[in-house]
Protein backbone atom coordinates (compact mmCIF):
# COMPACT_ATOMS: atom_id res chain seq x y z
CA UNK A 1 -41.20 -26.87 -273.08
CA UNK A 2 -38.50 -29.64 -272.53
CA UNK A 3 -38.12 -28.34 -268.70
CA UNK A 4 -42.03 -28.81 -268.24
CA UNK A 5 -41.89 -32.37 -269.68
CA UNK A 6 -38.90 -33.40 -267.64
CA UNK A 7 -40.69 -31.87 -264.44
CA UNK A 8 -43.79 -33.58 -265.36
CA UNK A 9 -41.92 -37.11 -265.78
CA UNK A 10 -40.04 -36.64 -262.32
CA UNK A 11 -43.38 -35.85 -260.74
CA UNK A 12 -45.07 -38.63 -262.26
CA UNK A 13 -42.32 -41.16 -261.34
CA UNK A 14 -42.40 -39.69 -257.71
CA UNK A 15 -46.20 -40.15 -257.59
CA UNK A 16 -45.80 -43.81 -258.49
CA UNK A 17 -42.74 -44.53 -256.54
CA UNK A 18 -43.70 -43.04 -253.14
CA UNK A 19 -46.64 -45.26 -252.42
CA UNK A 20 -44.66 -48.16 -253.56
CA UNK A 21 -41.75 -47.29 -251.21
CA UNK A 22 -44.35 -46.67 -248.38
CA UNK A 23 -45.83 -50.07 -248.89
CA UNK A 24 -42.27 -51.82 -248.79
CA UNK A 25 -41.20 -49.88 -245.82
CA UNK A 26 -44.62 -50.91 -244.01
CA UNK A 27 -44.01 -54.53 -244.92
CA UNK A 28 -40.33 -54.40 -243.69
CA UNK A 29 -41.57 -52.98 -240.35
CA UNK A 30 -44.39 -55.55 -239.87
CA UNK A 31 -41.72 -58.39 -240.64
CA UNK A 32 -39.42 -56.99 -238.21
CA UNK A 33 -41.94 -56.74 -235.62
CA UNK A 34 -43.23 -60.33 -236.38
CA UNK A 35 -39.43 -61.55 -236.04
CA UNK A 36 -39.01 -59.81 -232.76
CA UNK A 37 -42.15 -61.37 -231.32
CA UNK A 38 -41.25 -64.77 -232.57
CA UNK A 39 -37.72 -64.61 -230.98
CA UNK A 40 -39.21 -63.58 -227.67
CA UNK A 41 -41.87 -66.36 -227.82
CA UNK A 42 -38.95 -68.79 -228.56
CA UNK A 43 -36.73 -67.66 -225.74
CA UNK A 44 -39.84 -68.04 -223.41
CA UNK A 45 -40.49 -71.64 -224.70
CA UNK A 46 -36.74 -72.50 -224.26
CA UNK A 47 -36.57 -71.09 -220.88
CA UNK A 48 -39.61 -73.05 -219.82
CA UNK A 49 -38.37 -76.17 -221.19
CA UNK A 50 -34.98 -75.99 -219.49
CA UNK A 51 -35.96 -76.87 -215.96
CA UNK A 52 -37.94 -80.05 -217.37
CA UNK A 53 -34.68 -81.08 -219.42
CA UNK A 54 -32.53 -80.34 -216.24
CA UNK A 55 -34.68 -82.59 -214.12
CA UNK A 56 -34.59 -85.37 -216.92
CA UNK A 57 -30.87 -85.04 -217.05
CA UNK A 58 -30.67 -85.30 -213.38
CA UNK A 59 -32.97 -88.45 -213.11
CA UNK A 60 -30.80 -90.21 -215.88
CA UNK A 61 -27.37 -89.21 -214.51
CA UNK A 62 -25.52 -92.05 -213.22
CA UNK A 63 -25.13 -91.94 -209.52
CA UNK A 64 -21.93 -92.97 -207.84
CA UNK A 65 -22.52 -95.67 -205.12
CA UNK A 66 -20.24 -97.50 -202.51
CA UNK A 67 -20.19 -101.23 -202.79
CA UNK A 68 -18.49 -103.24 -200.07
CA UNK A 69 -17.38 -106.77 -200.29
CA UNK A 70 -14.20 -108.88 -201.29
CA UNK A 71 -12.54 -109.13 -204.72
CA UNK A 72 -11.99 -112.62 -205.78
CA UNK A 73 -10.82 -114.29 -208.86
CA UNK A 74 -13.50 -115.86 -211.22
CA UNK A 75 -12.11 -117.50 -214.13
CA UNK A 76 -9.95 -114.89 -215.89
CA UNK A 77 -11.42 -112.03 -214.23
CA UNK A 78 -11.53 -110.47 -210.67
CA UNK A 79 -15.02 -109.46 -209.32
CA UNK A 80 -16.52 -107.99 -206.35
CA UNK A 81 -18.61 -110.21 -204.28
CA UNK A 82 -20.89 -108.47 -201.82
CA UNK A 83 -20.46 -108.39 -198.17
CA UNK A 84 -23.31 -111.05 -197.71
CA UNK A 85 -21.88 -113.04 -200.65
CA UNK A 86 -25.16 -112.90 -202.44
CA UNK A 87 -24.22 -110.73 -205.41
CA UNK A 88 -21.35 -110.58 -207.63
CA UNK A 89 -20.38 -107.54 -209.43
CA UNK A 90 -18.09 -107.35 -212.55
CA UNK A 91 -15.59 -104.44 -212.36
CA UNK A 92 -14.58 -102.69 -215.43
CA UNK A 93 -11.03 -101.66 -214.16
CA UNK A 94 -9.54 -105.11 -213.73
CA UNK A 95 -5.92 -103.73 -213.43
CA UNK A 96 -6.98 -101.63 -210.28
CA UNK A 97 -9.04 -104.68 -208.88
CA UNK A 98 -6.11 -107.20 -209.29
CA UNK A 99 -4.23 -105.23 -206.55
CA UNK A 100 -7.02 -106.06 -204.16
CA UNK A 101 -7.51 -109.74 -204.84
CA UNK A 102 -8.81 -111.51 -201.65
CA UNK A 103 -9.24 -108.52 -199.67
CA UNK A 104 -12.13 -106.88 -198.18
CA UNK A 105 -12.86 -103.60 -199.88
CA UNK A 106 -15.06 -100.59 -200.74
CA UNK A 107 -15.62 -99.89 -204.34
CA UNK A 108 -16.87 -96.24 -205.36
CA UNK A 109 -18.51 -96.25 -208.92
CA UNK A 110 -21.46 -96.47 -211.00
CA UNK A 111 -23.45 -99.78 -211.48
CA UNK A 112 -24.79 -100.43 -214.86
CA UNK A 113 -27.94 -102.59 -213.91
CA UNK A 114 -28.35 -104.33 -217.38
CA UNK A 115 -24.76 -105.76 -217.28
CA UNK A 116 -24.04 -105.91 -213.54
CA UNK A 117 -20.77 -104.18 -214.14
CA UNK A 118 -19.52 -101.42 -211.79
CA UNK A 119 -17.61 -98.53 -213.56
CA UNK A 120 -14.88 -98.21 -211.00
CA UNK A 121 -13.78 -94.81 -209.65
CA UNK A 122 -11.78 -95.98 -206.67
CA UNK A 123 -11.13 -99.17 -204.69
CA UNK A 124 -9.97 -98.72 -201.09
CA UNK A 125 -9.33 -101.41 -198.53
CA UNK A 126 -12.24 -101.81 -196.01
């Protein structure tokens, strides 16, 4: 009699547990599928955004230019006066510029339009 009762209990537990296990497995599978689809969607969106971001970065990337003129003293600073004498540029590397005072030069650098200062990469005699 005890054996039948134990078998009945095991059978009842299995009948109750099996559907619950199937439901849990199904939910897990659905969750995994949804996660994979979201990751695929996100990678597609990111790859579509990259060209636009790269284009924006290229637009905002500072461009090196060549400025020609004469380096002269202006107060306690040295500056570049353009070849026509119409525009005066501040130079961020005063030490390098001092070597070329009163000489015609080519300055290669990036102009900050808001301050009128050139971030100097190099200065060579013109």
